[in-house]
Amino acid sequence: MAVLVSLCAGRLFQLQALDSSAYAQSAAEKMQYTMTLHPSRGTITDRNGLVLARSETAVDVTADPTHTTEDAAEIADVLVAHLGGEPADYLEPLTREGTRFVYLARKVPSATYQRLAVDLQERGLYGVFRESNPIRTYPGGTVAANVVGFVNGENEGAAGFEYSMNRELAGVEGSEVYERDAQGNKIPLGTQEITPAVNGTSYQLTIDSELQWMAERRLAQEVEKADAASGTVVMMNVRTGEVLAMANYPSFDAAQPGEADPEDLGNRAVTDALEPGSVQKVLTFAALLDAGLITPETKVTIPTSVASGDGRITDADDYTGARLTATGVLAKSANTGTVMLSRDMSKEDLARYLRSFGLGARTGIELPGEATGFVPGPDMEDYTFDQISFGQGLSVTPIQYTAAVAGILNGGVYNPPTVIRSATDKDGEPVEVPRGEPRRVISPEASTQIAQMMEAVTGEGGTGVSVQLDSYRTGGKTATAERFDSGCNCYRGYTSGYMGFAPAEDPQIVTFVQIDRPASGRYGSVVAGPVYKDLTQLALQRYAIRPSTTPAYEGRLTW
């Protein structure tokens, strides 16, 4: 007995005197529980404050199997009553061995969990807990879905603006460390340490939801009518580079991305680079005007065709012998006349102008997956130079081209395009948004001249005469581009386009419509022009832009 008492006393001395701190720390660690505090993801609104994406309070339902195994069947029945599903869905995690943490359900509305918690408490059932995990909602559904994007099951940006600005929107996670008893309840006077979560940055986009909705609806109508593969629309403020609408069709519902075709989850306006066709002539003529190589009155006699490389360049319509001014060449979209005029410019200068207009490089718009497009270098072949002048041999994205034309019309000053109007932090304080620097691309004189020549396109004798607006002067350029098919390494099918702006005397809104592979109709003025006309007419009136009071520019098309 003396030996036994001595052993017990020695062990007691070891526990209380020698190893007391170590055992106390071990006990404290077993009582401690760390819970992640999720930040509230930043809200995304349109330029008028309408919510496009926001987070709503929700929780993940968790459990400690060491406390739920014995009552698993009864707890499972309560879970089914509040969360749905079958008892079998919950029995396995509730009785899982070798762990004290399992997930039972994700993103459960807070009100639902509160009812569940009360029910469990009244039944004397313990071991079920919660972790904050907000739900992301998209009130607009399909409106601007390709721009806004969506989040995945982990509340991380998976597409669109949600993806490209995920770090800023997500914020910083916090944590709560506290002591709990054997039943999992927080000990009121126990140790508690809280590191608050930092909510994400909220963004106001430049997108106008109502204009965006109309653009999506009108584009869908025309794509369906033309039995086309897809279509895009970009509407931009000429003076600032702000994108007012960026529509895609087919599109998807941001609240249900899993139900969409994966090909429709991107944003063709920034990811798809195609040969622009005759709308490219606007950039060619802007460069020629700025370089002083032509004036709107420069005279050309149109031949039947022009030799280029191993082939010959012709026109869609027969202009043989026609005596056209440079304005007339653009208005009638004569390929041969464009080639003849552009040959006065060097390859180096044309490549330099196109690069300065933003072609062949990403614009830097705050959206993911932007393509660079392709512009040949100064060492291009002679026939490639000829092709580029009227829209073949290079590729551009809709956002690249729209920004380029906006810069040309903005007195010759290019503003990098943007979809961000402003940003605020968790406290509502303004956050600085990086902006690209404006740059001059052509002279003010050349800007005025190209705007007048584009207005002639919509006048009598121009290819865009059917795309005039009510009460507003307008300018534009049609495109019926042969579509290059990499499968056969040949041209197959068409891409119909229309680039337009208004008012012609004071450019404020520029709109580019592109409809890919139409099966019914192909001419830009017929397939894409009506979309431009309806949307621009709406936008001008929506922003209270005064109707034109001066007569339209009447440049001579012939001599």
Protein backbone atom coordinates (compact mmCIF):
# COMPACT_ATOMS: atom_id res chain seq x y z
CA MET A 1 0.00 0.00 0.00
CA ALA A 2 2.86 2.37 0.84
CA VAL A 3 4.45 1.69 -2.57
CA LEU A 4 1.09 2.25 -4.34
CA VAL A 5 0.51 5.51 -2.50
CA SER A 6 4.04 6.62 -3.34
CA LEU A 7 3.48 5.92 -7.04
CA CYS A 8 0.20 7.87 -7.06
CA ALA A 9 1.83 10.75 -5.24
CA GLY A 10 4.70 10.77 -7.72
CA ARG A 11 2.33 10.78 -10.67
CA LEU A 12 0.29 13.54 -9.10
CA PHE A 13 3.44 15.59 -8.55
CA GLN A 14 4.40 15.06 -12.20
CA LEU A 15 0.99 16.17 -13.47
CA GLN A 16 0.58 19.16 -11.19
CA ALA A 17 4.14 20.38 -10.88
CA LEU A 18 6.29 19.17 -13.76
CA ASP A 19 3.92 18.76 -16.75
CA SER A 20 1.04 20.99 -15.66
CA SER A 21 1.55 23.65 -18.36
CA ALA A 22 1.80 21.11 -21.16
CA TYR A 23 -1.36 19.30 -20.12
CA ALA A 24 -3.19 22.57 -19.59
CA GLN A 25 -2.23 23.70 -23.10
CA SER A 26 -3.34 20.37 -24.57
CA ALA A 27 -6.69 20.59 -22.78
CA ALA A 28 -7.18 24.18 -23.91
CA GLU A 29 -6.44 23.27 -27.53
CA LYS A 30 -9.04 20.50 -27.45
CA MET A 31 -11.59 22.98 -26.12
CA GLN A 32 -10.74 25.63 -28.71
CA TYR A 33 -12.65 25.93 -31.97
CA THR A 34 -11.76 28.17 -34.89
CA MET A 35 -14.54 29.41 -37.13
CA THR A 36 -13.88 31.20 -40.41
CA LEU A 37 -15.59 34.56 -40.77
CA HIS A 38 -16.43 35.08 -44.43
CA PRO A 39 -16.36 38.65 -45.74
CA SER A 40 -19.27 40.05 -47.68
CA ARG A 41 -18.43 40.07 -51.37
CA GLY A 42 -18.59 43.50 -52.97
CA THR A 43 -21.77 44.56 -54.74
CA ILE A 44 -21.82 45.22 -58.48
CA THR A 45 -24.22 47.84 -59.80
CA ASP A 46 -24.85 49.51 -63.14
CA ARG A 47 -24.15 53.19 -63.84
CA ASN A 48 -27.52 54.15 -62.35
CA GLY A 49 -27.12 52.15 -59.13
CA LEU A 50 -29.26 49.15 -60.14
CA VAL A 51 -27.88 45.97 -58.56
CA LEU A 52 -26.35 43.45 -60.95
CA ALA A 53 -24.74 41.19 -58.33
CA ARG A 54 -24.93 41.14 -54.52
CA SER A 55 -24.37 38.82 -51.57
CA GLU A 56 -27.15 37.73 -49.23
CA THR A 57 -26.71 36.24 -45.75
CA ALA A 58 -26.41 32.45 -45.70
CA VAL A 59 -24.56 29.74 -43.79
CA ASP A 60 -22.93 26.36 -44.24
CA VAL A 61 -24.44 23.78 -41.85
CA THR A 62 -21.71 21.72 -40.14
CA ALA A 63 -21.57 19.02 -37.47
CA ASP A 64 -19.22 17.35 -34.97
CA PRO A 65 -19.73 13.56 -35.42
CA THR A 66 -18.41 12.88 -31.89
CA HIS A 67 -21.61 14.53 -30.61
CA THR A 68 -24.08 13.52 -33.34
CA THR A 69 -23.38 9.79 -33.84
CA GLU A 70 -25.64 8.63 -31.03
CA ASP A 71 -28.64 10.72 -32.15
CA ALA A 72 -27.84 10.62 -35.89
CA ALA A 73 -31.20 9.20 -36.99
CA GLU A 74 -33.25 11.79 -35.11
CA ILE A 75 -30.97 14.67 -36.21
CA ALA A 76 -31.22 13.46 -39.82
CA ASP A 77 -35.03 13.61 -39.66
CA VAL A 78 -34.87 17.21 -38.44
CA LEU A 79 -32.41 18.12 -41.20
CA VAL A 80 -34.69 16.62 -43.85
CA ALA A 81 -37.63 18.62 -42.52
CA HIS A 82 -35.75 21.92 -42.89
CA LEU A 83 -33.17 21.34 -45.63
CA GLY A 84 -34.84 18.67 -47.76
CA GLY A 85 -33.29 15.51 -49.15
CA GLU A 86 -33.33 12.04 -47.61
CA PRO A 87 -32.16 10.86 -44.14
CA ALA A 88 -29.44 8.80 -45.85
CA ASP A 89 -27.91 12.03 -47.19
CA TYR A 90 -27.06 13.07 -43.62
CA LEU A 91 -26.48 9.80 -41.75
CA GLU A 92 -23.03 9.15 -43.21
CA PRO A 93 -21.47 12.53 -42.27
CA LEU A 94 -23.26 12.59 -38.91
CA THR A 95 -21.63 9.27 -37.96
CA ARG A 96 -18.28 9.67 -39.70
CA GLU A 97 -15.38 8.39 -37.63
CA GLY A 98 -12.00 10.02 -37.10
CA THR A 99 -13.13 13.63 -37.43
CA ARG A 100 -14.86 16.34 -35.46
CA PHE A 101 -15.94 18.40 -38.47
CA VAL A 102 -18.19 17.65 -41.45
CA TYR A 103 -20.33 19.70 -43.81
CA LEU A 104 -24.05 18.85 -43.94
CA ALA A 105 -25.28 21.57 -46.34
CA ARG A 106 -23.89 24.62 -48.13
CA LYS A 107 -25.30 28.12 -48.58
CA VAL A 108 -28.45 27.68 -46.50
CA PRO A 109 -30.48 30.91 -46.01
CA SER A 110 -29.95 32.25 -42.50
CA ALA A 111 -33.68 32.21 -41.71
CA THR A 112 -33.85 28.51 -42.59
CA TYR A 113 -30.93 27.73 -40.32
CA GLN A 114 -32.46 29.65 -37.43
CA ARG A 115 -35.60 27.52 -37.64
CA LEU A 116 -33.44 24.39 -37.81
CA ALA A 117 -31.39 25.45 -34.76
CA VAL A 118 -34.51 26.15 -32.67
CA ASP A 119 -35.99 22.77 -33.59
CA LEU A 120 -32.77 20.94 -32.61
CA GLN A 121 -32.52 22.83 -29.33
CA GLU A 122 -36.11 22.06 -28.37
CA ARG A 123 -35.42 18.36 -28.95
CA GLY A 124 -32.21 18.47 -26.92
CA LEU A 125 -30.05 17.51 -29.89
CA TYR A 126 -26.50 18.87 -30.00
CA GLY A 127 -23.56 18.85 -32.37
CA VAL A 128 -24.91 20.83 -35.34
CA PHE A 129 -23.30 24.21 -36.04
CA ARG A 130 -23.02 26.88 -38.73
CA GLU A 131 -20.43 28.90 -40.65
CA SER A 132 -21.22 32.11 -42.44
CA ASN A 133 -21.13 31.70 -46.24
CA PRO A 134 -23.12 34.33 -48.18
CA ILE A 135 -25.16 33.51 -51.29
CA ARG A 136 -24.40 35.45 -54.50
CA THR A 137 -27.52 36.61 -56.32
CA TYR A 138 -28.00 38.20 -59.74
CA PRO A 139 -31.28 40.16 -59.82
CA GLY A 140 -30.93 40.93 -63.53
CA GLY A 141 -30.66 37.29 -64.61
CA THR A 142 -29.49 37.47 -68.21
CA VAL A 143 -28.92 41.24 -68.24
CA ALA A 144 -25.18 41.86 -68.71
CA ALA A 145 -24.49 38.25 -67.64
CA ASN A 146 -21.53 37.98 -70.02
CA VAL A 147 -20.06 41.15 -68.52
CA VAL A 148 -20.81 40.52 -64.84
CA GLY A 149 -20.10 36.77 -64.88
CA PHE A 150 -20.80 34.51 -61.88
CA VAL A 151 -19.17 32.79 -58.89
CA ASN A 152 -18.57 29.10 -58.25
CA GLY A 153 -19.62 26.99 -55.26
CA GLU A 154 -16.71 28.37 -53.21
CA ASN A 155 -17.97 31.93 -53.76
CA GLU A 156 -14.99 32.67 -56.02
CA GLY A 157 -15.33 34.49 -59.33
CA ALA A 158 -15.59 32.01 -62.19
CA ALA A 159 -16.37 34.24 -65.19
CA GLY A 160 -16.70 37.84 -66.31
CA PHE A 161 -16.08 40.79 -63.99
CA GLU A 162 -16.56 38.48 -61.01
CA TYR A 163 -13.48 36.58 -62.17
CA SER A 164 -11.22 39.38 -63.36
CA MET A 165 -11.78 41.44 -60.18
CA ASN A 166 -12.19 38.50 -57.79
CA ARG A 167 -9.44 39.53 -55.37
CA GLU A 168 -10.89 43.01 -54.90
CA LEU A 169 -14.51 41.84 -54.72
CA ALA A 170 -13.82 38.94 -52.35
CA GLY A 171 -12.32 40.87 -49.46
CA VAL A 172 -10.26 39.18 -46.70
CA GLU A 173 -11.44 36.33 -44.49
CA GLY A 174 -11.46 36.73 -40.71
CA SER A 175 -11.66 34.18 -37.88
CA GLU A 176 -13.22 33.60 -34.46
CA VAL A 177 -11.42 31.41 -31.93
CA TYR A 178 -13.43 30.40 -28.82
CA GLU A 179 -13.70 27.68 -26.20
CA ARG A 180 -16.61 25.25 -26.18
CA ASP A 181 -17.82 22.53 -23.87
CA ALA A 182 -18.24 18.82 -24.53
CA GLN A 183 -21.61 19.44 -26.20
CA GLY A 184 -20.10 21.98 -28.58
CA ASN A 185 -21.63 25.04 -26.89
CA LYS A 186 -19.58 28.22 -26.56
CA ILE A 187 -18.33 28.75 -23.00
CA PRO A 188 -19.58 32.25 -22.06
CA LEU A 189 -16.53 33.28 -20.03
CA GLY A 190 -14.02 31.28 -22.06
CA THR A 191 -11.24 32.65 -24.20
CA GLN A 192 -12.47 34.38 -27.36
CA GLU A 193 -10.39 36.01 -30.08
CA ILE A 194 -11.94 37.64 -33.15
CA THR A 195 -10.14 38.79 -36.29
CA PRO A 196 -12.84 40.63 -38.26
CA ALA A 197 -13.34 39.89 -41.93
CA VAL A 198 -12.74 42.75 -44.35
CA ASN A 199 -15.59 43.09 -46.82
CA GLY A 200 -14.81 43.35 -50.52
CA THR A 201 -14.74 46.39 -52.77
CA SER A 202 -18.02 47.33 -54.45
CA TYR A 203 -18.06 48.47 -58.07
CA GLN A 204 -20.33 50.66 -60.12
CA LEU A 205 -20.04 49.69 -63.78
CA THR A 206 -20.44 51.95 -66.78
CA ILE A 207 -23.14 49.61 -68.14
CA ASP A 208 -26.66 51.03 -68.42
CA SER A 209 -28.96 48.11 -67.51
CA GLU A 210 -31.96 49.34 -69.47
CA LEU A 211 -29.92 50.05 -72.58
CA GLN A 212 -28.14 46.72 -72.07
CA TRP A 213 -31.48 44.87 -71.84
CA MET A 214 -32.68 46.47 -75.06
CA ALA A 215 -29.38 45.68 -76.81
CA GLU A 216 -29.61 42.03 -75.79
CA ARG A 217 -33.23 41.77 -76.86
CA ARG A 218 -32.75 43.53 -80.20
CA LEU A 219 -29.59 41.55 -80.98
CA ALA A 220 -31.35 38.25 -80.22
CA GLN A 221 -34.17 39.17 -82.60
CA GLU A 222 -31.79 39.88 -85.47
CA VAL A 223 -29.59 36.83 -84.87
CA GLU A 224 -32.68 34.63 -84.91
CA LYS A 225 -34.06 36.39 -87.99
CA ALA A 226 -30.79 35.95 -89.89
CA ASP A 227 -30.39 32.38 -88.63
CA ALA A 228 -26.88 33.38 -87.57
CA ALA A 229 -24.44 31.62 -85.26
CA SER A 230 -23.98 34.52 -82.84
CA GLY A 231 -23.89 38.27 -82.48
CA THR A 232 -22.34 41.06 -80.42
CA VAL A 233 -23.08 44.72 -79.77
CA VAL A 234 -20.80 47.30 -78.17
CA MET A 235 -22.08 50.80 -77.37
CA MET A 236 -19.55 53.33 -76.11
CA ASN A 237 -19.34 56.92 -74.96
CA VAL A 238 -17.12 58.56 -77.58
CA ARG A 239 -15.69 61.12 -75.17
CA THR A 240 -14.76 58.84 -72.27
CA GLY A 241 -14.38 55.28 -73.60
CA GLU A 242 -17.05 54.08 -71.14
CA VAL A 243 -18.93 51.02 -72.35
CA LEU A 244 -22.67 51.70 -72.11
CA ALA A 245 -23.78 48.27 -73.35
CA MET A 246 -21.99 45.07 -74.30
CA ALA A 247 -24.43 42.43 -75.52
CA ASN A 248 -23.87 38.84 -76.62
CA TYR A 249 -26.25 36.33 -78.14
CA PRO A 250 -26.60 33.46 -77.36
CA SER A 251 -26.12 34.33 -73.70
CA PHE A 252 -27.04 32.84 -70.31
CA ASP A 253 -28.65 33.50 -66.92
CA ALA A 254 -25.97 34.48 -64.38
CA ALA A 255 -28.09 32.91 -61.62
CA GLN A 256 -28.07 29.53 -63.41
CA PRO A 257 -24.82 29.26 -65.40
CA GLY A 258 -24.82 25.47 -65.16
CA GLU A 259 -27.82 25.29 -67.49
CA ALA A 260 -26.08 27.18 -70.31
CA ASP A 261 -23.96 25.96 -73.19
CA PRO A 262 -20.31 26.42 -72.10
CA GLU A 263 -19.61 28.28 -75.36
CA ASP A 264 -22.07 30.98 -74.30
CA LEU A 265 -20.52 31.69 -70.89
CA GLY A 266 -17.76 33.94 -72.26
CA ASN A 267 -17.89 37.42 -73.75
CA ARG A 268 -17.41 37.40 -77.52
CA ALA A 269 -16.97 41.17 -77.57
CA VAL A 270 -13.56 40.75 -75.93
CA THR A 271 -12.58 37.15 -76.68
CA ASP A 272 -13.41 36.69 -80.38
CA ALA A 273 -11.10 38.23 -82.98
CA LEU A 274 -12.37 38.17 -86.58
CA GLU A 275 -11.46 39.85 -89.83
CA PRO A 276 -13.41 43.11 -89.73
CA GLY A 277 -14.23 43.50 -93.41
CA SER A 278 -15.10 46.88 -94.86
CA VAL A 279 -15.51 48.64 -91.50
CA GLN A 280 -11.70 48.54 -91.48
CA LYS A 281 -11.76 51.18 -94.22
CA VAL A 282 -12.61 53.77 -91.57
CA LEU A 283 -9.22 53.19 -89.96
CA THR A 284 -7.43 53.14 -93.32
CA PHE A 285 -8.92 56.44 -94.43
CA ALA A 286 -8.32 58.02 -91.01
CA ALA A 287 -4.62 57.15 -91.35
CA LEU A 288 -4.43 58.46 -94.93
CA LEU A 289 -6.14 61.74 -93.94
CA ASP A 290 -3.88 62.26 -90.93
CA ALA A 291 -0.75 61.55 -92.99
CA GLY A 292 -1.84 64.16 -95.52
CA LEU A 293 -1.88 61.62 -98.36
CA ILE A 294 -5.51 62.28 -99.29
CA THR A 295 -8.34 64.74 -98.73
CA PRO A 296 -12.05 63.96 -98.89
CA GLU A 297 -11.97 65.34 -102.44
CA THR A 298 -9.06 63.23 -103.77
CA LYS A 299 -10.02 61.82 -107.16
CA VAL A 300 -9.91 58.18 -108.27
CA THR A 301 -11.05 56.41 -111.43
CA ILE A 302 -12.21 52.92 -110.51
CA PRO A 303 -10.80 50.05 -112.60
CA THR A 304 -12.45 46.68 -113.14
CA SER A 305 -9.91 45.09 -110.80
CA VAL A 306 -6.49 45.67 -109.23
CA ALA A 307 -3.61 43.21 -109.46
CA SER A 308 -2.35 42.09 -106.05
CA GLY A 309 0.06 39.22 -105.48
CA ASP A 310 -1.03 36.26 -107.59
CA GLY A 311 -4.64 37.42 -107.80
CA ARG A 312 -6.82 40.42 -108.43
CA ILE A 313 -8.93 42.54 -106.11
CA THR A 314 -12.47 43.33 -107.24
CA ASP A 315 -15.59 45.03 -105.89
CA ALA A 316 -18.92 43.51 -104.87
CA ASP A 317 -20.59 45.91 -107.33
CA ASP A 318 -19.25 46.89 -110.73
CA TYR A 319 -17.87 50.43 -110.47
CA THR A 320 -15.66 50.13 -113.56
CA GLY A 321 -14.91 53.59 -114.95
CA ALA A 322 -16.64 55.39 -112.08
CA ARG A 323 -14.95 58.63 -111.13
CA LEU A 324 -15.12 58.75 -107.33
CA THR A 325 -13.72 61.07 -104.71
CA ALA A 326 -12.15 59.55 -101.60
CA THR A 327 -15.48 60.27 -99.89
CA GLY A 328 -17.22 58.37 -102.65
CA VAL A 329 -14.83 55.42 -102.34
CA LEU A 330 -15.70 55.12 -98.63
CA ALA A 331 -19.40 55.76 -99.15
CA LYS A 332 -19.67 53.07 -101.83
CA SER A 333 -17.15 50.78 -100.07
CA ALA A 334 -15.02 50.30 -103.19
CA ASN A 335 -12.20 47.86 -102.46
CA THR A 336 -10.28 48.77 -105.60
CA GLY A 337 -10.40 52.50 -104.88
CA THR A 338 -9.31 51.93 -101.28
CA VAL A 339 -6.30 49.88 -102.41
CA MET A 340 -5.28 52.47 -104.98
CA LEU A 341 -5.39 55.30 -102.42
CA SER A 342 -3.68 53.35 -99.64
CA ARG A 343 -0.67 52.40 -101.80
CA ASP A 344 0.65 55.93 -101.31
CA MET A 345 1.33 55.01 -97.66
CA SER A 346 4.28 52.90 -96.59
CA LYS A 347 3.82 49.56 -94.87
CA GLU A 348 5.66 50.89 -91.83
CA ASP A 349 3.30 53.84 -91.50
CA LEU A 350 0.13 51.78 -91.92
CA ALA A 351 1.29 49.26 -89.30
CA ARG A 352 2.19 52.12 -86.96
CA TYR A 353 -1.22 53.77 -87.34
CA LEU A 354 -3.08 50.53 -86.74
CA ARG A 355 -1.04 49.87 -83.62
CA SER A 356 -1.72 53.38 -82.36
CA PHE A 357 -5.45 52.75 -82.86
CA GLY A 358 -5.13 49.84 -80.42
CA LEU A 359 -5.14 46.92 -82.87
CA GLY A 360 -2.93 43.90 -82.27
CA ALA A 361 -2.87 44.40 -78.48
CA ARG A 362 -5.23 44.05 -75.54
CA THR A 363 -7.13 47.22 -74.71
CA GLY A 364 -6.80 46.53 -70.99
CA ILE A 365 -10.53 46.52 -70.36
CA GLU A 366 -11.32 45.03 -66.95
CA LEU A 367 -12.73 41.76 -68.29
CA PRO A 368 -11.08 38.33 -68.62
CA GLY A 369 -9.97 36.45 -71.71
CA GLU A 370 -9.33 39.47 -73.91
CA ALA A 371 -7.80 38.51 -77.26
CA THR A 372 -5.04 40.55 -78.88
CA GLY A 373 -6.18 40.13 -82.44
CA PHE A 374 -3.55 40.19 -85.18
CA VAL A 375 -1.89 42.94 -87.20
CA PRO A 376 1.03 42.07 -89.53
CA GLY A 377 4.30 43.90 -88.99
CA PRO A 378 6.04 46.34 -91.35
CA ASP A 379 7.62 43.41 -93.20
CA MET A 380 4.23 42.27 -94.50
CA GLU A 381 3.86 41.15 -98.11
CA ASP A 382 2.55 43.64 -100.66
CA TYR A 383 -0.66 41.68 -101.16
CA THR A 384 -1.18 41.58 -97.36
CA PHE A 385 -0.87 45.36 -97.28
CA ASP A 386 -3.58 45.59 -99.94
CA GLN A 387 -5.84 43.18 -98.04
CA ILE A 388 -5.49 45.06 -94.77
CA SER A 389 -6.57 48.33 -96.36
CA PHE A 390 -10.08 46.97 -96.99
CA GLY A 391 -10.42 44.60 -94.01
CA GLN A 392 -8.76 41.25 -94.67
CA GLY A 393 -5.41 39.86 -93.48
CA LEU A 394 -5.86 41.11 -89.89
CA SER A 395 -8.22 40.36 -87.01
CA VAL A 396 -9.77 42.55 -84.33
CA THR A 397 -12.17 42.11 -81.43
CA PRO A 398 -15.38 44.16 -81.24
CA ILE A 399 -14.09 46.08 -78.20
CA GLN A 400 -10.80 46.87 -79.97
CA TYR A 401 -12.55 48.17 -83.05
CA THR A 402 -15.17 50.19 -81.18
CA ALA A 403 -12.52 51.86 -79.02
CA ALA A 404 -10.44 52.63 -82.13
CA VAL A 405 -13.32 54.36 -83.92
CA ALA A 406 -14.33 56.20 -80.75
CA GLY A 407 -10.80 57.59 -80.50
CA ILE A 408 -10.79 58.64 -84.14
CA LEU A 409 -14.12 60.46 -83.67
CA ASN A 410 -13.14 62.01 -80.32
CA GLY A 411 -11.14 64.74 -81.97
CA GLY A 412 -8.45 62.13 -82.58
CA VAL A 413 -7.88 61.29 -78.87
CA TYR A 414 -8.07 57.61 -77.91
CA ASN A 415 -9.39 56.68 -74.45
CA PRO A 416 -8.75 53.09 -73.31
CA PRO A 417 -12.17 51.42 -72.95
CA THR A 418 -13.50 50.69 -69.46
CA VAL A 419 -16.47 49.06 -67.74
CA ILE A 420 -15.71 50.57 -64.30
CA ARG A 421 -17.28 53.90 -63.39
CA SER A 422 -16.32 53.98 -59.70
CA ALA A 423 -15.47 51.81 -56.68
CA THR A 424 -15.99 52.02 -52.91
CA ASP A 425 -14.47 50.13 -49.99
CA LYS A 426 -16.22 48.39 -47.08
CA ASP A 427 -16.93 51.75 -45.42
CA GLY A 428 -18.34 53.33 -48.56
CA GLU A 429 -15.24 55.42 -49.13
CA PRO A 430 -14.06 55.94 -52.74
CA VAL A 431 -11.39 53.61 -54.05
CA GLU A 432 -9.03 54.79 -56.75
CA VAL A 433 -9.57 52.98 -60.03
CA PRO A 434 -6.55 52.71 -62.37
CA ARG A 435 -7.18 54.39 -65.71
CA GLY A 436 -5.30 54.10 -68.97
CA GLU A 437 -3.83 57.33 -70.27
CA PRO A 438 -5.54 59.03 -73.25
CA ARG A 439 -3.38 59.44 -76.32
CA ARG A 440 -3.65 61.30 -79.59
CA VAL A 441 -3.92 59.06 -82.64
CA ILE A 442 -4.86 61.50 -85.41
CA SER A 443 -5.20 65.27 -85.72
CA PRO A 444 -8.45 67.14 -84.94
CA GLU A 445 -8.69 68.09 -88.62
CA ALA A 446 -8.45 64.46 -89.76
CA SER A 447 -11.03 63.50 -87.11
CA THR A 448 -13.52 66.02 -88.49
CA GLN A 449 -12.89 64.89 -92.07
CA ILE A 450 -13.37 61.16 -91.38
CA ALA A 451 -16.58 61.91 -89.46
CA GLN A 452 -17.91 63.81 -92.49
CA MET A 453 -16.92 61.02 -94.86
CA MET A 454 -18.69 58.48 -92.63
CA GLU A 455 -21.80 60.66 -92.69
CA ALA A 456 -21.70 60.46 -96.48
CA VAL A 457 -21.98 56.67 -96.16
CA THR A 458 -25.53 57.17 -94.85
CA GLY A 459 -26.40 59.75 -97.49
CA GLU A 460 -27.73 59.35 -101.02
CA GLY A 461 -25.54 56.92 -102.96
CA GLY A 462 -23.89 55.44 -99.85
CA THR A 463 -24.14 51.82 -98.73
CA GLY A 464 -25.73 52.89 -95.42
CA VAL A 465 -28.51 55.11 -96.76
CA SER A 466 -31.12 52.83 -95.16
CA VAL A 467 -29.59 53.35 -91.70
CA GLN A 468 -30.52 56.99 -91.18
CA LEU A 469 -31.93 58.17 -87.84
CA ASP A 470 -34.99 60.24 -87.03
CA SER A 471 -34.09 63.83 -86.10
CA TYR A 472 -30.37 63.07 -85.79
CA ARG A 473 -27.51 63.23 -88.25
CA THR A 474 -25.54 60.00 -88.27
CA GLY A 475 -22.47 58.47 -89.84
CA GLY A 476 -21.48 54.87 -90.29
CA LYS A 477 -19.80 52.12 -92.24
CA THR A 478 -21.15 48.82 -93.47
CA ALA A 479 -19.29 45.51 -93.60
CA THR A 480 -20.00 42.26 -95.40
CA ALA A 481 -16.85 40.38 -94.51
CA GLU A 482 -15.93 37.02 -95.95
CA ARG A 483 -15.25 34.79 -92.95
CA PHE A 484 -11.94 32.93 -92.82
CA ASP A 485 -12.40 29.27 -91.89
CA SER A 486 -9.27 27.72 -90.40
CA GLY A 487 -10.73 24.26 -91.00
CA CYS A 488 -10.38 24.54 -94.77
CA ASN A 489 -7.86 27.41 -94.77
CA CYS A 490 -10.28 29.26 -96.98
CA TYR A 491 -13.03 31.89 -96.88
CA ARG A 492 -16.44 30.39 -96.15
CA GLY A 493 -19.52 32.26 -95.00
CA TYR A 494 -19.82 35.89 -93.91
CA THR A 495 -19.72 38.21 -90.92
CA SER A 496 -22.11 41.14 -91.22
CA GLY A 497 -21.24 44.35 -89.42
CA TYR A 498 -22.23 47.95 -88.99
CA MET A 499 -20.29 50.69 -87.25
CA GLY A 500 -22.15 53.93 -86.62
CA PHE A 501 -22.17 57.07 -84.51
CA ALA A 502 -24.37 60.04 -83.70
CA PRO A 503 -24.88 62.92 -83.77
CA ALA A 504 -22.65 63.32 -86.81
CA GLU A 505 -21.90 66.97 -86.05
CA ASP A 506 -20.93 66.18 -82.43
CA PRO A 507 -20.11 62.47 -82.00
CA GLN A 508 -21.20 61.20 -78.58
CA ILE A 509 -22.29 57.57 -78.94
CA VAL A 510 -20.62 54.97 -81.14
CA THR A 511 -22.13 51.54 -81.72
CA PHE A 512 -20.66 48.46 -83.37
CA VAL A 513 -22.91 45.54 -84.34
CA GLN A 514 -21.42 42.27 -85.57
CA ILE A 515 -23.48 39.23 -86.58
CA ASP A 516 -21.50 36.11 -87.35
CA ARG A 517 -22.37 33.60 -90.07
CA PRO A 518 -25.86 34.72 -91.04
CA ALA A 519 -27.67 32.18 -93.21
CA SER A 520 -30.44 34.54 -94.26
CA GLY A 521 -29.00 37.73 -95.70
CA ARG A 522 -25.41 38.92 -95.43
CA TYR A 523 -25.11 42.64 -96.17
CA GLY A 524 -24.15 44.75 -93.17
CA SER A 525 -26.72 47.43 -93.87
CA VAL A 526 -29.50 44.83 -93.97
CA VAL A 527 -28.47 42.41 -91.19
CA ALA A 528 -26.62 44.58 -88.66
CA GLY A 529 -27.77 48.08 -89.64
CA PRO A 530 -31.30 47.85 -88.18
CA VAL A 531 -29.89 46.89 -84.77
CA TYR A 532 -27.64 49.96 -84.80
CA LYS A 533 -30.52 52.19 -85.86
CA ASP A 534 -32.93 51.09 -83.13
CA LEU A 535 -30.37 51.09 -80.31
CA THR A 536 -28.75 54.41 -81.18
CA GLN A 537 -32.12 56.12 -81.58
CA LEU A 538 -33.06 54.86 -78.12
CA ALA A 539 -29.76 55.89 -76.52
CA LEU A 540 -29.83 59.42 -77.94
CA GLN A 541 -33.27 60.04 -76.52
CA ARG A 542 -32.48 58.27 -73.23
CA TYR A 543 -29.52 60.56 -72.57
CA ALA A 544 -31.45 63.66 -73.70
CA ILE A 545 -29.03 64.47 -76.51
CA ARG A 546 -30.47 67.32 -78.53
CA PRO A 547 -31.63 66.51 -82.08
CA SER A 548 -29.53 67.83 -84.94
CA THR A 549 -30.37 71.33 -86.14
CA THR A 550 -27.72 71.68 -88.86
CA PRO A 551 -27.96 70.19 -92.36
CA ALA A 552 -26.21 66.92 -93.15
CA TYR A 553 -22.76 66.98 -94.70
CA GLU A 554 -23.04 66.80 -98.47
CA GLY A 555 -19.63 65.72 -99.63
CA ARG A 556 -19.20 64.99 -103.33
CA LEU A 557 -19.05 61.28 -104.14
CA THR A 558 -18.09 61.73 -107.79
CA TRP A 559 -16.15 64.17 -109.91
